Protein backbone atom coordinates (compact mmCIF):
# COMPACT_ATOMS: atom_id res chain seq x y z
CA MET A 1 0.00 0.00 0.00
CA THR A 2 1.38 3.26 -1.03
CA SER A 3 0.97 6.61 0.69
CA THR A 4 0.40 9.87 -1.12
CA LEU A 5 3.21 12.47 -1.04
CA PRO A 6 2.34 15.52 1.04
CA TRP A 7 2.93 18.15 -1.82
CA ASP A 8 0.43 16.41 -4.11
CA ALA A 9 -2.43 18.15 -2.30
CA GLY A 10 -1.61 21.32 -4.24
CA ARG A 11 -0.74 23.56 -1.32
CA ALA A 12 0.73 26.90 -2.21
CA PRO A 13 4.04 26.77 -0.31
CA HIS A 14 5.26 23.77 -2.28
CA SER A 15 4.54 25.38 -5.65
CA ARG A 16 7.80 27.35 -5.35
CA LEU A 17 9.92 24.21 -5.61
CA PRO A 18 11.80 23.54 -8.92
CA GLN A 19 9.66 22.02 -11.63
CA PHE A 20 10.41 18.46 -12.70
CA CYS A 21 10.35 17.09 -16.20
CA GLY A 22 8.20 14.15 -17.20
CA ALA A 23 8.59 11.26 -14.89
CA GLY A 24 10.23 8.04 -15.80
CA THR A 25 8.54 4.73 -15.42
CA PRO A 26 7.62 4.47 -11.70
CA THR A 27 7.67 1.36 -9.68
CA ALA A 28 4.52 -0.01 -8.14
CA GLY A 29 5.16 1.79 -4.87
CA ALA A 30 5.14 5.22 -6.50
CA ALA A 31 2.28 4.88 -8.95
CA ALA A 32 0.19 7.39 -7.05
CA ALA A 33 2.76 10.18 -7.30
CA ALA A 34 1.45 13.17 -9.28
CA ARG A 35 3.47 15.65 -11.45
CA VAL A 36 3.66 19.25 -10.28
CA PRO A 37 2.13 21.72 -12.81
CA ARG A 38 4.71 23.71 -14.91
CA ALA A 39 4.89 27.51 -14.95
CA ARG A 40 7.68 27.82 -17.68
CA PRO A 41 9.33 25.56 -20.27
CA LYS A 42 10.73 22.54 -18.53
CA ARG A 43 14.37 21.68 -18.34
CA CYS A 44 15.66 18.23 -17.98
CA THR A 45 15.99 17.45 -14.23
CA ALA A 46 15.92 14.38 -12.15
CA THR A 47 12.66 12.76 -11.16
CA PRO A 48 12.77 11.36 -7.65
CA PHE A 49 11.19 8.00 -7.35
CA LEU A 50 9.86 7.53 -3.89
CA GLY A 51 8.85 4.00 -2.98
CA THR A 52 10.02 0.65 -1.86
CA ARG A 53 12.13 -1.88 -3.60
CA ARG A 54 9.91 -4.62 -2.45
CA PRO A 55 6.24 -4.51 -3.39
CA GLY A 56 3.84 -4.70 -0.54
CA ARG A 57 6.26 -3.04 1.87
CA LEU A 58 5.03 0.23 3.34
CA LEU A 59 7.19 3.26 3.59
CA LYS A 60 6.24 3.69 7.12
CA ARG A 61 4.04 2.26 9.61
CA ALA A 62 0.56 3.38 10.46
CA GLY A 63 0.56 6.36 12.67
CA SER A 64 3.81 7.73 11.27
CA GLN A 65 2.31 10.27 8.88
CA PRO A 66 3.70 13.37 10.58
CA ALA A 67 7.22 12.02 10.55
CA ALA A 68 6.99 11.15 6.87
CA GLU A 69 5.83 14.65 6.12
CA MET A 70 8.92 15.97 7.84
CA GLN A 71 11.47 13.70 6.09
CA LEU A 72 10.23 13.50 2.54
CA PRO A 73 10.61 17.23 1.70
CA LEU A 74 14.15 17.14 2.97
CA LEU A 75 15.08 14.17 0.83
CA CYS A 76 13.43 15.71 -2.19
CA CYS A 77 15.39 18.89 -1.74
CA LEU A 78 18.55 16.84 -1.50
CA GLY A 79 17.74 15.04 -4.70
CA VAL A 80 16.96 18.28 -6.46
CA ALA A 81 20.22 19.90 -5.29
CA LEU A 82 22.27 16.96 -6.50
CA LEU A 83 20.62 16.49 -9.86
CA ALA A 84 19.31 19.94 -10.85
CA ALA A 85 22.70 21.31 -12.16
CA PRO A 86 23.07 21.12 -16.00
CA GLY A 87 25.46 18.52 -17.25
CA TRP A 88 25.03 16.18 -14.33
CA ALA A 89 22.11 14.28 -15.71
CA ALA A 90 22.57 12.30 -18.87
CA ALA A 91 20.01 12.75 -21.60
CA GLY A 92 17.56 9.87 -21.85
CA ASP A 93 16.66 7.97 -24.91
CA GLY A 94 12.90 8.33 -24.61
CA VAL A 95 10.74 11.43 -24.75
CA GLY A 96 7.57 11.67 -22.65
CA GLU A 97 4.43 13.56 -23.32
CA GLU A 98 5.70 16.82 -21.93
CA GLY A 99 9.46 16.69 -22.57
CA PRO A 100 12.56 14.53 -22.48
CA ALA A 101 12.59 11.90 -19.83
CA CYS A 102 15.34 12.14 -17.25
CA ALA A 103 17.75 9.24 -17.24
CA ALA A 104 18.84 9.68 -13.65
CA ARG A 105 16.40 9.03 -10.80
CA VAL A 106 16.73 9.25 -7.06
CA GLU A 107 15.24 6.22 -5.36
CA LEU A 108 14.14 6.52 -1.74
CA GLU A 109 13.79 3.23 0.06
CA PRO A 110 13.48 2.26 3.70
CA GLY A 111 16.50 1.09 5.50
CA LEU A 112 15.52 -2.46 6.42
CA GLY A 113 17.35 -4.59 8.79
CA PRO A 114 18.86 -8.03 8.13
CA ASP A 115 15.54 -9.63 8.80
CA GLY A 116 13.75 -7.41 6.40
CA ARG A 117 11.90 -5.48 9.02
CA CYS A 118 11.90 -1.90 10.15
CA GLY A 119 12.72 -0.93 13.63
CA ALA A 120 16.13 0.56 13.47
CA GLY A 121 14.70 4.06 13.76
CA PRO A 122 13.13 5.76 16.69
CA ALA A 123 9.58 4.78 17.52
CA GLY A 124 9.73 1.84 15.19
CA GLU A 125 10.09 3.97 12.06
CA CYS A 126 11.94 2.75 9.00
CA ALA A 127 14.83 5.06 8.14
CA LEU A 128 14.93 6.12 4.50
CA GLN A 129 18.06 5.88 2.37
CA VAL A 130 19.00 7.51 -0.95
CA ARG A 131 20.15 5.29 -3.78
CA LEU A 132 21.96 7.09 -6.59
CA PRO A 133 22.43 5.38 -9.90
CA SER A 134 25.76 5.29 -11.71
CA LEU A 135 26.61 8.81 -12.96
CA THR A 136 27.29 9.48 -16.72
CA ILE A 137 28.56 12.97 -17.67
CA PRO A 138 27.80 14.03 -21.32
CA LEU A 139 30.41 15.91 -23.37
CA PRO A 140 29.73 18.63 -26.01
CA ALA A 141 29.01 17.31 -29.51
CA PRO A 142 32.13 18.96 -31.16
CA LEU A 143 34.34 16.85 -28.91
CA GLY A 144 33.20 13.83 -30.86
CA ARG A 145 35.42 15.09 -33.77
CA LEU A 146 38.49 15.27 -31.55
CA GLU A 147 40.08 12.22 -33.13
CA GLU A 148 39.62 13.63 -36.66
CA VAL A 149 41.15 16.95 -35.60
CA LEU A 150 44.15 15.15 -34.16
CA LYS A 151 44.61 13.27 -37.43
CA GLU A 152 44.49 16.54 -39.42
CA VAL A 153 47.03 18.17 -37.08
CA GLN A 154 49.38 15.21 -37.58
CA ALA A 155 49.01 15.54 -41.36
CA LEU A 156 49.88 19.25 -41.15
CA LYS A 157 52.95 18.44 -39.10
CA ASP A 158 54.09 15.94 -41.73
CA ALA A 159 53.58 18.57 -44.49
CA MET A 160 55.57 21.17 -42.52
CA ALA A 161 58.42 18.72 -42.06
CA SER A 162 58.44 18.03 -45.80
CA LEU A 163 58.54 21.78 -46.57
CA GLN A 164 61.42 22.30 -44.15
CA ARG A 165 63.42 19.54 -45.83
CA SER A 166 62.73 21.14 -49.24
CA CYS A 167 63.89 24.57 -47.98
CA GLN A 168 67.09 23.05 -46.64
CA ASP A 169 67.77 21.46 -50.02
CA CYS A 170 67.15 24.84 -51.73
CA ARG A 171 69.58 26.58 -49.40
CA LEU A 172 72.24 24.00 -50.14
CA GLN A 173 71.78 24.41 -53.88
CA ALA A 174 71.85 28.23 -53.56
CA ASP A 175 75.08 28.04 -51.56
CA GLU A 176 76.65 25.88 -54.27
CA HIS A 177 75.76 28.35 -57.06
CA ARG A 178 76.32 31.59 -55.14
CA ASP A 179 78.90 34.11 -56.50
CA PRO A 180 82.13 34.30 -54.50
CA ALA A 181 81.76 38.07 -53.90
CA PRO A 182 78.11 39.17 -53.96
CA PRO A 183 77.41 42.92 -53.85
CA PRO A 184 76.71 44.27 -50.39
CA SER A 185 73.08 44.64 -49.48
CA PRO A 186 71.70 48.03 -48.37
CA GLY A 187 72.84 48.99 -44.97
CA THR A 188 75.91 46.73 -45.01
CA PRO A 189 79.34 48.07 -44.04
CA GLY A 190 80.48 47.88 -47.69
CA GLU A 191 77.74 50.26 -48.77
CA GLN A 192 78.53 52.62 -45.92
CA ASP A 193 82.17 52.69 -47.01
CA SER A 194 81.06 53.45 -50.58
CA ASP A 195 78.91 56.32 -49.33
CA LEU A 196 81.84 57.75 -47.39
CA ARG A 197 84.12 57.51 -50.44
CA ALA A 198 81.46 59.18 -52.60
CA GLN A 199 81.17 62.04 -50.11
CA ASP A 200 84.95 62.47 -50.06
CA LEU A 201 85.09 62.54 -53.85
CA GLU A 202 82.24 65.04 -54.00
CA SER A 203 84.00 67.37 -51.56
CA GLN A 204 87.21 67.08 -53.60
CA VAL A 205 85.29 67.90 -56.79
CA HIS A 206 83.81 71.02 -55.18
CA LYS A 207 87.24 72.07 -53.98
CA LEU A 208 88.79 71.56 -57.40
CA SER A 209 85.90 73.44 -59.05
CA SER A 210 86.44 76.45 -56.82
CA GLU A 211 90.20 76.35 -57.49
CA LEU A 212 89.55 76.07 -61.23
CA LYS A 213 87.23 79.05 -61.10
CA GLY A 214 89.88 81.12 -59.33
CA ALA A 215 92.49 80.02 -61.86
CA ARG A 216 90.22 81.05 -64.73
CA GLU A 217 89.77 84.49 -63.22
CA GLU A 218 93.52 84.88 -62.79
CA ILE A 219 94.08 83.75 -66.39
CA GLY A 220 91.57 86.32 -67.61
CA VAL A 221 93.31 89.10 -65.70
CA LEU A 222 96.70 88.05 -67.03
CA GLN A 223 95.36 87.76 -70.55
CA ARG A 224 93.97 91.30 -70.45
CA ARG A 225 97.26 92.60 -69.14
CA LEU A 226 99.12 90.69 -71.85
CA GLU A 227 96.88 92.15 -74.55
CA LYS A 228 97.56 95.65 -73.31
CA LEU A 229 101.30 95.04 -73.12
CA SER A 230 101.35 93.39 -76.54
CA LEU A 231 99.42 96.24 -78.08
CA VAL A 232 101.69 98.86 -76.54
CA ASN A 233 104.84 97.01 -77.52
CA MET A 234 103.71 96.27 -81.05
CA ASN A 235 102.50 99.81 -81.56
CA ASN A 236 105.74 101.21 -80.27
CA ILE A 237 107.80 98.89 -82.43
CA GLU A 238 105.77 99.52 -85.56
CA ASN A 239 105.72 103.26 -84.93
CA TYR A 240 109.48 103.22 -84.46
CA VAL A 241 109.98 101.24 -87.68
CA ASP A 242 107.56 103.49 -89.54
CA SER A 243 109.40 106.58 -88.39
CA LYS A 244 112.71 105.14 -89.49
CA VAL A 245 111.28 104.19 -92.87
CA ALA A 246 109.82 107.67 -93.23
CA ASN A 247 113.19 109.21 -92.46
CA LEU A 248 114.85 106.98 -95.00
CA THR A 249 112.24 107.93 -97.57
CA VAL A 250 112.93 111.62 -96.98
CA VAL A 251 116.65 111.05 -97.33
CA VAL A 252 116.20 109.07 -100.55
CA ASN A 253 113.97 111.75 -102.00
CA SER A 254 116.42 114.52 -101.09
CA LEU A 255 119.34 112.60 -102.55
CA ASP A 256 117.36 111.99 -105.69
CA GLY A 257 116.72 115.71 -106.00
CA LYS A 258 120.35 116.55 -105.51
CA CYS A 259 121.40 113.97 -108.09
CA SER A 260 118.95 115.38 -110.59
CA SER A 261 120.19 118.98 -110.09
CA GLN A 262 123.86 118.03 -110.46
CA CYS A 263 123.48 116.05 -113.67
CA SER A 264 125.33 117.76 -116.58
CA SER A 265 123.12 116.64 -119.38
CA GLN A 266 119.34 116.75 -118.96
CA GLU A 267 118.90 115.01 -122.30
CA GLN A 268 120.95 112.05 -121.13
CA ILE A 269 118.79 111.78 -118.02
CA GLN A 270 115.55 111.88 -119.97
CA SER A 271 116.88 109.27 -122.42
CA ARG A 272 117.39 106.83 -119.55
CA PRO A 273 114.43 104.76 -118.24
CA VAL A 274 112.42 106.80 -115.76
CA GLN A 275 112.68 105.35 -112.23
CA HIS A 276 109.59 106.29 -110.19
CA LEU A 277 109.80 107.00 -106.49
CA ILE A 278 107.86 104.98 -103.91
CA TYR A 279 104.32 106.30 -103.41
CA LYS A 280 103.02 104.98 -100.16
CA ASP A 281 99.52 106.41 -100.35
CA CYS A 282 97.39 108.94 -102.16
CA SER A 283 98.90 111.87 -100.25
CA ASP A 284 102.21 111.29 -102.02
CA TYR A 285 100.48 111.69 -105.36
CA TYR A 286 98.80 114.83 -104.10
CA VAL A 287 102.20 116.27 -103.15
CA ILE A 288 103.57 115.78 -106.63
CA GLY A 289 100.58 117.53 -108.12
CA ARG A 290 98.23 114.68 -108.95
CA ARG A 291 94.89 116.18 -107.91
CA THR A 292 92.46 114.00 -109.84
CA SER A 293 90.27 111.57 -107.84
CA GLU A 294 91.01 108.23 -109.46
CA ASN A 295 92.84 104.95 -108.82
CA TYR A 296 96.59 105.09 -108.16
CA ARG A 297 99.17 102.42 -107.46
CA VAL A 298 100.85 102.63 -104.07
CA THR A 299 103.62 100.72 -102.31
CA PRO A 300 103.30 101.17 -98.55
CA ASP A 301 106.00 98.56 -97.88
CA PRO A 302 108.83 97.95 -100.40
CA LYS A 303 109.04 94.35 -99.25
CA ASN A 304 105.49 93.78 -100.54
CA SER A 305 103.94 94.24 -103.93
CA SER A 306 102.26 97.46 -104.92
CA PHE A 307 98.48 97.65 -105.42
CA GLU A 308 95.87 100.06 -106.65
CA VAL A 309 93.78 102.23 -104.37
CA PRO A 310 91.04 104.79 -105.05
CA CYS A 311 92.16 108.32 -104.10
CA ASP A 312 89.88 111.18 -103.06
CA MET A 313 91.62 114.42 -103.99
CA GLU A 314 88.65 116.70 -103.23
CA THR A 315 87.27 116.11 -99.70
CA LEU A 316 88.77 118.49 -97.16
CA GLY A 317 91.79 119.31 -99.31
CA GLY A 318 92.30 115.82 -100.81
CA GLY A 319 95.04 113.23 -100.32
CA TRP A 320 92.65 110.57 -98.97
CA THR A 321 93.17 106.84 -99.59
CA VAL A 322 89.76 105.15 -99.73
CA LEU A 323 89.48 101.84 -97.82
CA GLN A 324 85.80 101.07 -98.27
CA ALA A 325 82.84 102.39 -100.24
CA ARG A 326 79.08 101.60 -100.18
CA LEU A 327 76.76 103.34 -102.63
CA ASP A 328 74.34 101.00 -104.42
CA GLY A 329 74.44 97.46 -102.96
CA SER A 330 76.14 95.99 -106.01
CA THR A 331 78.67 94.05 -103.88
CA ASN A 332 77.86 91.38 -101.31
CA PHE A 333 79.68 92.02 -98.02
CA SER A 334 78.60 88.76 -96.35
CA ARG A 335 81.94 87.03 -96.93
CA GLY A 336 84.53 84.95 -95.13
CA TRP A 337 87.93 85.59 -93.62
CA ARG A 338 89.92 85.06 -96.82
CA ASP A 339 87.91 87.59 -98.84
CA TYR A 340 88.21 90.24 -96.14
CA LYS A 341 91.94 89.48 -95.94
CA THR A 342 92.68 90.08 -99.64
CA GLY A 343 89.82 92.46 -100.49
CA PHE A 344 86.86 92.22 -102.88
CA GLY A 345 84.50 94.31 -104.99
CA ASN A 346 84.87 96.98 -107.67
CA LEU A 347 87.26 99.82 -106.80
CA ARG A 348 85.17 102.21 -108.87
CA ARG A 349 81.91 101.39 -107.08
CA GLU A 350 81.60 99.21 -103.93
CA PHE A 351 84.57 97.38 -102.40
CA TRP A 352 86.61 96.42 -99.36
CA LEU A 353 90.29 97.14 -99.93
CA GLY A 354 91.54 94.19 -97.84
CA ASN A 355 92.84 93.84 -94.29
CA ASP A 356 96.40 93.06 -95.37
CA LYS A 357 96.55 96.23 -97.48
CA ILE A 358 94.94 98.34 -94.74
CA HIS A 359 97.57 97.02 -92.33
CA LEU A 360 100.42 98.03 -94.69
CA LEU A 361 98.92 101.48 -95.26
CA THR A 362 98.44 102.22 -91.56
CA LYS A 363 101.85 100.81 -90.69
CA SER A 364 103.81 103.04 -93.08
CA LYS A 365 102.56 106.31 -91.57
CA GLU A 366 100.42 107.64 -88.73
CA MET A 367 96.99 107.88 -90.26
CA VAL A 368 93.73 109.60 -89.45
CA LEU A 369 90.37 108.01 -90.31
CA ARG A 370 87.42 109.82 -91.83
CA ILE A 371 83.97 108.22 -92.19
CA ASP A 372 81.35 109.93 -94.35
CA LEU A 373 77.70 108.81 -94.10
CA GLU A 374 74.56 109.82 -95.97
CA ASP A 375 71.04 108.53 -95.40
CA PHE A 376 68.12 108.37 -97.83
CA ASP A 377 66.80 111.70 -96.54
CA GLY A 378 69.92 113.43 -97.83
CA VAL A 379 71.47 114.00 -94.37
CA LYS A 380 75.30 113.94 -94.58
CA LEU A 381 77.47 113.61 -91.46
CA TYR A 382 81.03 112.52 -90.77
CA ALA A 383 83.23 111.12 -88.00
CA LEU A 384 86.98 111.85 -87.74
CA TYR A 385 89.50 109.92 -85.61
CA ASP A 386 92.99 111.38 -85.22
CA GLN A 387 94.63 107.96 -85.14
CA PHE A 388 93.84 104.77 -87.05
CA TYR A 389 95.81 101.51 -87.08
CA VAL A 390 95.04 97.89 -88.05
CA ALA A 391 97.40 95.13 -86.88
CA ASN A 392 98.57 92.20 -88.98
CA GLU A 393 96.83 88.85 -89.43
CA PHE A 394 98.77 87.28 -86.58
CA LEU A 395 97.07 89.76 -84.25
CA LYS A 396 93.73 89.16 -86.01
CA TYR A 397 93.73 92.63 -87.61
CA ARG A 398 93.05 94.32 -84.29
CA LEU A 399 91.69 97.87 -84.56
CA HIS A 400 92.95 100.96 -82.82
CA VAL A 401 91.35 104.40 -83.16
CA GLY A 402 92.26 107.70 -81.55
CA ASN A 403 90.24 110.73 -80.43
CA TYR A 404 86.94 111.52 -82.11
CA SER A 405 85.67 114.69 -83.72
CA GLY A 406 82.89 115.31 -86.22
CA THR A 407 79.09 115.39 -86.53
CA ALA A 408 77.99 111.74 -86.77
CA GLY A 409 78.92 110.79 -83.19
CA ASP A 410 81.52 108.42 -81.75
CA ALA A 411 79.88 105.07 -82.51
CA LEU A 412 83.16 103.15 -82.51
CA ARG A 413 83.50 103.82 -78.78
CA PHE A 414 79.86 104.02 -77.84
CA SER A 415 80.08 102.65 -74.28
CA LYS A 416 82.02 100.26 -72.07
CA HIS A 417 80.12 97.27 -73.41
CA TYR A 418 80.02 98.45 -77.03
CA ASN A 419 83.52 99.58 -77.83
CA HIS A 420 85.08 98.58 -81.14
CA ASP A 421 88.49 100.00 -80.24
CA LEU A 422 91.16 97.33 -79.62
CA LYS A 423 88.86 94.57 -80.93
CA PHE A 424 89.78 91.76 -83.30
CA PHE A 425 88.27 91.36 -86.73
CA THR A 426 85.46 88.77 -87.00
CA THR A 427 83.83 87.18 -90.04
CA PRO A 428 80.98 84.65 -90.33
CA ASP A 429 83.55 81.85 -90.51
CA ARG A 430 86.05 83.21 -87.95
CA ASP A 431 84.75 84.11 -84.50
CA ASN A 432 87.06 86.59 -82.72
CA ASP A 433 84.45 88.75 -80.97
CA ARG A 434 83.71 89.04 -77.28
CA TYR A 435 80.20 87.62 -77.44
CA PRO A 436 80.36 84.33 -75.48
CA SER A 437 77.25 82.67 -76.89
CA GLY A 438 77.80 82.95 -80.63
CA ASN A 439 79.43 84.60 -83.64
CA CYS A 440 78.42 88.21 -84.19
CA GLY A 441 79.75 88.09 -87.76
CA ARG A 442 77.47 85.19 -88.61
CA TYR A 443 74.47 86.78 -86.93
CA TYR A 444 74.95 90.16 -88.69
CA SER A 445 76.20 88.58 -91.96
CA SER A 446 79.39 90.62 -92.32
CA GLY A 447 82.99 91.08 -91.28
CA TRP A 448 83.79 93.79 -88.72
CA TRP A 449 85.61 94.62 -85.49
CA PHE A 450 82.74 93.34 -83.34
CA ASP A 451 82.63 93.69 -79.59
CA ALA A 452 79.63 91.87 -78.08
CA CYS A 453 78.24 92.68 -80.54
CA LEU A 454 78.07 96.18 -82.09
CA SER A 455 77.36 99.88 -81.94
CA ALA A 456 78.62 100.32 -85.50
CA ASN A 457 78.87 98.12 -88.60
CA LEU A 458 79.67 99.75 -91.92
CA ASN A 459 79.93 96.38 -93.70
CA GLY A 460 76.33 95.35 -93.06
CA LYS A 461 73.80 94.50 -95.72
CA TYR A 462 72.85 97.33 -98.09
CA TYR A 463 69.13 98.15 -97.92
CA HIS A 464 67.61 100.55 -100.46
CA GLN A 465 65.01 101.67 -97.92
CA LYS A 466 64.00 101.15 -94.32
CA TYR A 467 63.84 97.53 -93.23
CA ARG A 468 62.50 95.36 -90.39
CA GLY A 469 63.89 92.43 -88.41
CA VAL A 470 67.51 91.80 -87.43
CA ARG A 471 69.65 94.94 -87.49
CA ASN A 472 72.03 93.50 -90.05
CA GLY A 473 72.15 96.53 -92.31
CA ILE A 474 74.71 99.35 -92.42
CA PHE A 475 74.63 100.72 -88.88
CA TRP A 476 76.01 103.71 -87.01
CA GLY A 477 74.64 103.75 -83.48
CA THR A 478 75.05 107.49 -82.83
CA TRP A 479 73.23 108.63 -85.96
CA PRO A 480 70.40 111.06 -85.07
CA GLY A 481 67.19 109.14 -84.43
CA MET A 482 68.86 105.75 -84.91
CA SER A 483 68.09 104.57 -81.36
CA GLU A 484 64.50 105.83 -81.43
CA ALA A 485 61.68 103.45 -82.25
CA GLN A 486 60.45 103.83 -85.82
CA PRO A 487 56.78 103.48 -86.76
CA GLY A 488 55.99 99.89 -87.60
CA GLY A 489 59.31 98.67 -86.15
CA TYR A 490 61.32 99.81 -89.18
CA ARG A 491 65.06 100.47 -89.04
CA SER A 492 66.96 103.24 -90.80
CA SER A 493 69.49 102.45 -93.53
CA PHE A 494 72.21 104.45 -95.28
CA LYS A 495 72.50 105.46 -98.90
CA ARG A 496 76.25 106.11 -99.02
CA VAL A 497 79.21 105.30 -96.78
CA THR A 498 82.95 105.92 -97.27
CA MET A 499 85.98 105.05 -95.11
CA MET A 500 89.28 106.78 -96.01
CA ILE A 501 92.64 107.63 -94.43
CA ARG A 502 95.50 110.05 -94.93
CA PRO A 503 98.69 110.87 -93.01
CA ARG A 504 98.13 112.67 -89.72
CA HIS A 505 100.61 115.44 -90.49
CA PHE A 506 99.45 115.98 -94.05
CA ARG A 507 98.85 119.60 -95.01
CA PRO A 508 97.13 120.22 -98.35
């Protein structure tokens, strides 16, 4: 006979106890036990089975109802405390009506004596004992793949070992084929040494560059001093020689006059071949009474051949030897060094006498230079220099002019940067000017004593009217209105130009 549990009567205080899941299969002694109603979704807990192991045995004797009511709640609480924690109970195989059945149950049975009777407890009560089943702890589902994971890890280890062996083989092969002296990698001591050497070389280069610059400046100073000394010495020597030659010429002329006056027979003298005296320039012909402006043969230096020159016997008393003439553009003045050396053109129209001949003429006597200019408006002006000398070819036909006077302005010594005095002669094929970036003769298409580049150029291109573009025409920088801007950007040109010389001490 089975007794009903005290909390099955539905009293309120017992409703606060933990809810149990669906009961397992009860024994015959616990068939009357009722499930407690659920207030929330059930979790799997343990279902206490309260009863006897032996059917027909009572849990307690008659008259022991109060004691049972005292002990059963305590045992139930113990069972709940032991089996309510998650993971302690193993999941059952079956599922009841209201949820999974608990696999673990707490069995309460009386503690019977050897004879199978109660009586060990006070007042003849049977003491209850708790019987726990064998405990099975479930593991998480992923742990079931632990063996597979271990196999995969072992496979990875084998692959890593194979890769390490391959790397070792590669290193051995690389060591066998490596160059004996590979270049140093960045940051190695070899590269640092290279950087230091490069810095030392760079500092040495800078030092040598500064020294070279100073040496160039010193060379320039010495060269300018040498040019001055050379000019002075050459001028002095040539002037001394010229003076001696002039004295000899005077003596020869005087002796010739004396010989002519002392001859007894004038007819005998006239019957002999006439021996002409040396005429150095047109002034000598003027002295002997030749006053017609035409071409005469002169011999400035007896060691050189004579040559013809045009003589102007009218301008300012006459006696002028013409060196250059421009009047109609019939002669091209854009020529090379050789043509300017020997001379070119038509002596009766436009020509350049030749640098070699000009040198001989200016060497034989102290000469003055006269330049006559006329523009297309009929304006005529002149420039006069009291000294004029052209050196030989070895000195590049260097020009020297003296003091200026006249009406056209001193264009040959226009300024410090445009000064044709003491300058070498330049042609399109021979660059002797002071312009560092090119050839002034080639740019202005003529030969002249260019500086860097010009304030005068009487050998420029002949234009029959005003022109535009590069100032490569006949140019005289001090001509009135020449530096002023012309309407439309036009440049003035000249109709007639003449360069001529005569001895400084000549008196007509």
